[in-house]
Amino acid sequence: MDEKKYFESLFISLVATFETNALIAMGKLTNPVDGKVEKDLNAAKMNIDILRMLKEKTNNNLSEQELKHLTTTITNLELNYVEEIKTDG
């Protein structure tokens, strides 16, 4: 694997880490540490905001695939977050 593809896969993994953390915080996934499903919408928002910041800070430095993956992930998380806010509302 060449370095560019390697770094691309690392970037996708980084995004997936924050995505997973946000989904756990929204109660959409079980926490692998304690096996519980709990909601912490503040933590979910923070993880989404980190991804939004990452997109802003990496502007014009991402491959097309990286940008598409990041944008799609943010959009999906934001939609899920809004649903959770309405449910808890």
N, C-alpha and C. Protein backbone atom coordinates (compact mmCIF):
# COMPACT_ATOMS: atom_id res chain seq x y z
N MET A 1 0.86 -1.18 0.00
CA MET A 1 0.00 0.00 0.00
C MET A 1 0.90 1.23 0.00
N ASP A 2 0.63 2.14 -0.92
CA ASP A 2 1.45 3.35 -0.94
C ASP A 2 1.04 4.29 0.19
N GLU A 3 1.89 5.27 0.45
CA GLU A 3 1.68 6.16 1.59
C GLU A 3 0.37 6.93 1.49
N LYS A 4 0.03 7.39 0.29
CA LYS A 4 -1.20 8.17 0.12
C LYS A 4 -2.43 7.33 0.51
N LYS A 5 -2.49 6.11 0.03
CA LYS A 5 -3.63 5.24 0.37
C LYS A 5 -3.62 4.89 1.86
N TYR A 6 -2.44 4.72 2.41
CA TYR A 6 -2.32 4.42 3.83
C TYR A 6 -2.88 5.57 4.67
N PHE A 7 -2.47 6.80 4.34
CA PHE A 7 -2.96 7.96 5.09
C PHE A 7 -4.45 8.17 4.87
N GLU A 8 -4.94 7.85 3.68
CA GLU A 8 -6.37 7.94 3.41
C GLU A 8 -7.14 6.98 4.31
N SER A 9 -6.62 5.76 4.45
CA SER A 9 -7.30 4.79 5.32
C SER A 9 -7.23 5.21 6.78
N LEU A 10 -6.12 5.83 7.19
CA LEU A 10 -6.02 6.35 8.55
C LEU A 10 -7.03 7.45 8.79
N PHE A 11 -7.21 8.32 7.80
CA PHE A 11 -8.18 9.41 7.93
C PHE A 11 -9.59 8.85 8.08
N ILE A 12 -9.93 7.87 7.26
CA ILE A 12 -11.25 7.24 7.34
C ILE A 12 -11.44 6.61 8.72
N SER A 13 -10.41 5.99 9.24
CA SER A 13 -10.48 5.39 10.59
C SER A 13 -10.68 6.45 11.66
N LEU A 14 -10.01 7.57 11.52
CA LEU A 14 -10.17 8.67 12.47
C LEU A 14 -11.62 9.17 12.48
N VAL A 15 -12.16 9.38 11.30
CA VAL A 15 -13.56 9.82 11.18
C VAL A 15 -14.48 8.78 11.81
N ALA A 16 -14.22 7.51 11.55
CA ALA A 16 -15.05 6.44 12.09
C ALA A 16 -15.01 6.41 13.62
N THR A 17 -13.88 6.76 14.20
CA THR A 17 -13.75 6.79 15.66
C THR A 17 -14.71 7.82 16.25
N PHE A 18 -14.70 9.03 15.69
CA PHE A 18 -15.60 10.08 16.20
C PHE A 18 -17.06 9.77 15.88
N GLU A 19 -17.30 9.15 14.74
CA GLU A 19 -18.66 8.74 14.38
C GLU A 19 -19.19 7.72 15.39
N THR A 20 -18.38 6.72 15.70
CA THR A 20 -18.78 5.70 16.67
C THR A 20 -19.03 6.31 18.04
N ASN A 21 -18.15 7.20 18.46
CA ASN A 21 -18.33 7.86 19.76
C ASN A 21 -19.63 8.66 19.80
N ALA A 22 -19.95 9.35 18.70
CA ALA A 22 -21.20 10.12 18.65
C ALA A 22 -22.41 9.19 18.71
N LEU A 23 -22.36 8.10 17.98
CA LEU A 23 -23.48 7.15 17.98
C LEU A 23 -23.67 6.50 19.35
N ILE A 24 -22.57 6.19 20.02
CA ILE A 24 -22.66 5.66 21.38
C ILE A 24 -23.30 6.70 22.30
N ALA A 25 -22.87 7.96 22.16
CA ALA A 25 -23.40 9.03 23.01
C ALA A 25 -24.87 9.32 22.73
N MET A 26 -25.34 9.01 21.52
CA MET A 26 -26.75 9.19 21.21
C MET A 26 -27.58 7.98 21.62
N GLY A 27 -26.93 6.96 22.16
CA GLY A 27 -27.65 5.75 22.55
C GLY A 27 -28.00 4.85 21.39
N LYS A 28 -27.35 5.05 20.26
CA LYS A 28 -27.63 4.25 19.06
C LYS A 28 -26.78 2.98 19.03
N LEU A 29 -25.69 2.97 19.78
CA LEU A 29 -24.80 1.81 19.87
C LEU A 29 -24.51 1.51 21.33
N THR A 30 -24.24 0.26 21.61
CA THR A 30 -23.84 -0.14 22.95
C THR A 30 -22.41 0.29 23.20
N ASN A 31 -22.16 0.81 24.39
CA ASN A 31 -20.80 1.17 24.78
C ASN A 31 -20.00 -0.12 24.94
N PRO A 32 -18.93 -0.30 24.16
CA PRO A 32 -18.18 -1.55 24.24
C PRO A 32 -17.42 -1.73 25.55
N VAL A 33 -17.21 -0.66 26.29
CA VAL A 33 -16.47 -0.74 27.54
C VAL A 33 -17.33 -1.36 28.65
N ASP A 34 -18.57 -0.86 28.77
CA ASP A 34 -19.41 -1.35 29.88
C ASP A 34 -20.67 -2.10 29.42
N GLY A 35 -20.87 -2.19 28.11
CA GLY A 35 -22.02 -2.93 27.59
C GLY A 35 -23.35 -2.24 27.77
N LYS A 36 -23.33 -0.96 28.16
CA LYS A 36 -24.57 -0.22 28.40
C LYS A 36 -24.93 0.65 27.20
N VAL A 37 -26.23 0.95 27.11
CA VAL A 37 -26.72 1.92 26.14
C VAL A 37 -27.18 3.12 26.94
N GLU A 38 -26.48 4.22 26.80
CA GLU A 38 -26.80 5.45 27.54
C GLU A 38 -26.74 6.63 26.59
N LYS A 39 -27.45 7.69 26.94
CA LYS A 39 -27.43 8.91 26.13
C LYS A 39 -26.69 10.01 26.85
N ASP A 40 -25.85 10.69 26.10
CA ASP A 40 -25.18 11.90 26.54
C ASP A 40 -25.11 12.79 25.31
N LEU A 41 -26.19 13.56 25.09
CA LEU A 41 -26.29 14.34 23.86
C LEU A 41 -25.25 15.45 23.78
N ASN A 42 -24.76 15.92 24.93
CA ASN A 42 -23.67 16.90 24.90
C ASN A 42 -22.40 16.27 24.32
N ALA A 43 -22.11 15.04 24.72
CA ALA A 43 -20.95 14.33 24.18
C ALA A 43 -21.14 14.04 22.69
N ALA A 44 -22.36 13.69 22.31
CA ALA A 44 -22.64 13.44 20.89
C ALA A 44 -22.38 14.69 20.08
N LYS A 45 -22.87 15.83 20.56
CA LYS A 45 -22.67 17.10 19.85
C LYS A 45 -21.19 17.44 19.76
N MET A 46 -20.44 17.20 20.82
CA MET A 46 -19.01 17.50 20.80
C MET A 46 -18.30 16.67 19.73
N ASN A 47 -18.65 15.40 19.60
CA ASN A 47 -18.02 14.56 18.58
C ASN A 47 -18.40 15.01 17.18
N ILE A 48 -19.64 15.42 16.98
CA ILE A 48 -20.06 15.96 15.69
C ILE A 48 -19.31 17.26 15.41
N ASP A 49 -19.20 18.12 16.40
CA ASP A 49 -18.48 19.39 16.23
C ASP A 49 -17.01 19.16 15.91
N ILE A 50 -16.41 18.14 16.49
CA ILE A 50 -15.01 17.81 16.17
C ILE A 50 -14.88 17.45 14.69
N LEU A 51 -15.82 16.67 14.19
CA LEU A 51 -15.79 16.31 12.77
C LEU A 51 -16.01 17.53 11.88
N ARG A 52 -16.91 18.41 12.29
CA ARG A 52 -17.14 19.65 11.52
C ARG A 52 -15.88 20.52 11.51
N MET A 53 -15.21 20.62 12.66
CA MET A 53 -13.97 21.37 12.75
C MET A 53 -12.89 20.73 11.88
N LEU A 54 -12.81 19.40 11.90
CA LEU A 54 -11.84 18.69 11.08
C LEU A 54 -12.06 18.98 9.60
N LYS A 55 -13.32 19.02 9.19
CA LYS A 55 -13.64 19.34 7.79
C LYS A 55 -13.18 20.75 7.45
N GLU A 56 -13.45 21.69 8.34
CA GLU A 56 -13.05 23.07 8.10
C GLU A 56 -11.53 23.21 8.05
N LYS A 57 -10.84 22.59 8.98
CA LYS A 57 -9.38 22.74 9.08
C LYS A 57 -8.63 22.00 7.97
N THR A 58 -9.27 21.01 7.36
CA THR A 58 -8.61 20.27 6.28
C THR A 58 -9.10 20.70 4.91
N ASN A 59 -9.78 21.84 4.85
CA ASN A 59 -10.31 22.36 3.59
C ASN A 59 -9.23 22.39 2.51
N ASN A 60 -9.55 21.83 1.35
CA ASN A 60 -8.64 21.75 0.20
C ASN A 60 -7.45 20.83 0.41
N ASN A 61 -7.46 20.02 1.46
CA ASN A 61 -6.37 19.09 1.70
C ASN A 61 -6.82 17.64 1.73
N LEU A 62 -8.08 17.39 1.40
CA LEU A 62 -8.61 16.04 1.42
C LEU A 62 -8.80 15.51 0.00
N SER A 63 -8.67 14.21 -0.15
CA SER A 63 -9.00 13.60 -1.43
C SER A 63 -10.52 13.67 -1.60
N GLU A 64 -10.96 13.42 -2.81
CA GLU A 64 -12.40 13.44 -3.07
C GLU A 64 -13.12 12.40 -2.21
N GLN A 65 -12.53 11.22 -2.08
CA GLN A 65 -13.12 10.15 -1.27
C GLN A 65 -13.18 10.55 0.20
N GLU A 66 -12.11 11.13 0.72
CA GLU A 66 -12.08 11.55 2.12
C GLU A 66 -13.14 12.61 2.40
N LEU A 67 -13.23 13.59 1.51
CA LEU A 67 -14.21 14.67 1.69
C LEU A 67 -15.64 14.12 1.63
N LYS A 68 -15.90 13.24 0.68
CA LYS A 68 -17.24 12.66 0.56
C LYS A 68 -17.59 11.87 1.82
N HIS A 69 -16.65 11.06 2.29
CA HIS A 69 -16.89 10.25 3.49
C HIS A 69 -17.15 11.14 4.70
N LEU A 70 -16.32 12.16 4.88
CA LEU A 70 -16.46 13.06 6.02
C LEU A 70 -17.79 13.81 5.96
N THR A 71 -18.12 14.34 4.80
CA THR A 71 -19.37 15.10 4.63
C THR A 71 -20.59 14.21 4.89
N THR A 72 -20.59 13.02 4.34
CA THR A 72 -21.70 12.09 4.54
C THR A 72 -21.84 11.71 6.01
N THR A 73 -20.72 11.46 6.65
CA THR A 73 -20.73 11.10 8.07
C THR A 73 -21.32 12.22 8.92
N ILE A 74 -20.87 13.44 8.67
CA ILE A 74 -21.37 14.59 9.43
C ILE A 74 -22.88 14.75 9.21
N THR A 75 -23.31 14.68 7.97
CA THR A 75 -24.74 14.84 7.66
C THR A 75 -25.58 13.77 8.36
N ASN A 76 -25.14 12.53 8.29
CA ASN A 76 -25.89 11.45 8.94
C ASN A 76 -25.94 11.62 10.45
N LEU A 77 -24.82 12.02 11.04
CA LEU A 77 -24.80 12.23 12.49
C LEU A 77 -25.70 13.40 12.89
N GLU A 78 -25.66 14.48 12.11
CA GLU A 78 -26.50 15.63 12.42
C GLU A 78 -27.99 15.27 12.36
N LEU A 79 -28.37 14.48 11.36
CA LEU A 79 -29.77 14.05 11.26
C LEU A 79 -30.17 13.19 12.45
N ASN A 80 -29.30 12.27 12.84
CA ASN A 80 -29.57 11.43 14.01
C ASN A 80 -29.64 12.27 15.28
N TYR A 81 -28.78 13.25 15.39
CA TYR A 81 -28.75 14.12 16.57
C TYR A 81 -30.06 14.89 16.69
N VAL A 82 -30.53 15.45 15.58
CA VAL A 82 -31.79 16.20 15.59
C VAL A 82 -32.94 15.29 16.01
N GLU A 83 -32.95 14.06 15.52
CA GLU A 83 -33.99 13.10 15.93
C GLU A 83 -33.95 12.85 17.43
N GLU A 84 -32.75 12.71 17.97
CA GLU A 84 -32.61 12.45 19.41
C GLU A 84 -33.03 13.65 20.24
N ILE A 85 -32.71 14.84 19.77
CA ILE A 85 -33.13 16.07 20.48
C ILE A 85 -34.66 16.14 20.51
N LYS A 86 -35.30 15.83 19.38
CA LYS A 86 -36.76 15.85 19.33
C LYS A 86 -37.36 14.80 20.26
N THR A 87 -36.76 13.63 20.30
CA THR A 87 -37.24 12.54 21.15
C THR A 87 -37.12 12.90 22.63
N ASP A 88 -35.99 13.51 22.99
CA ASP A 88 -35.75 13.88 24.39
C ASP A 88 -36.43 15.18 24.77
N GLY A 89 -36.81 15.97 23.73
CA GLY A 89 -37.34 17.30 23.85
C GLY A 89 -38.28 17.57 24.92
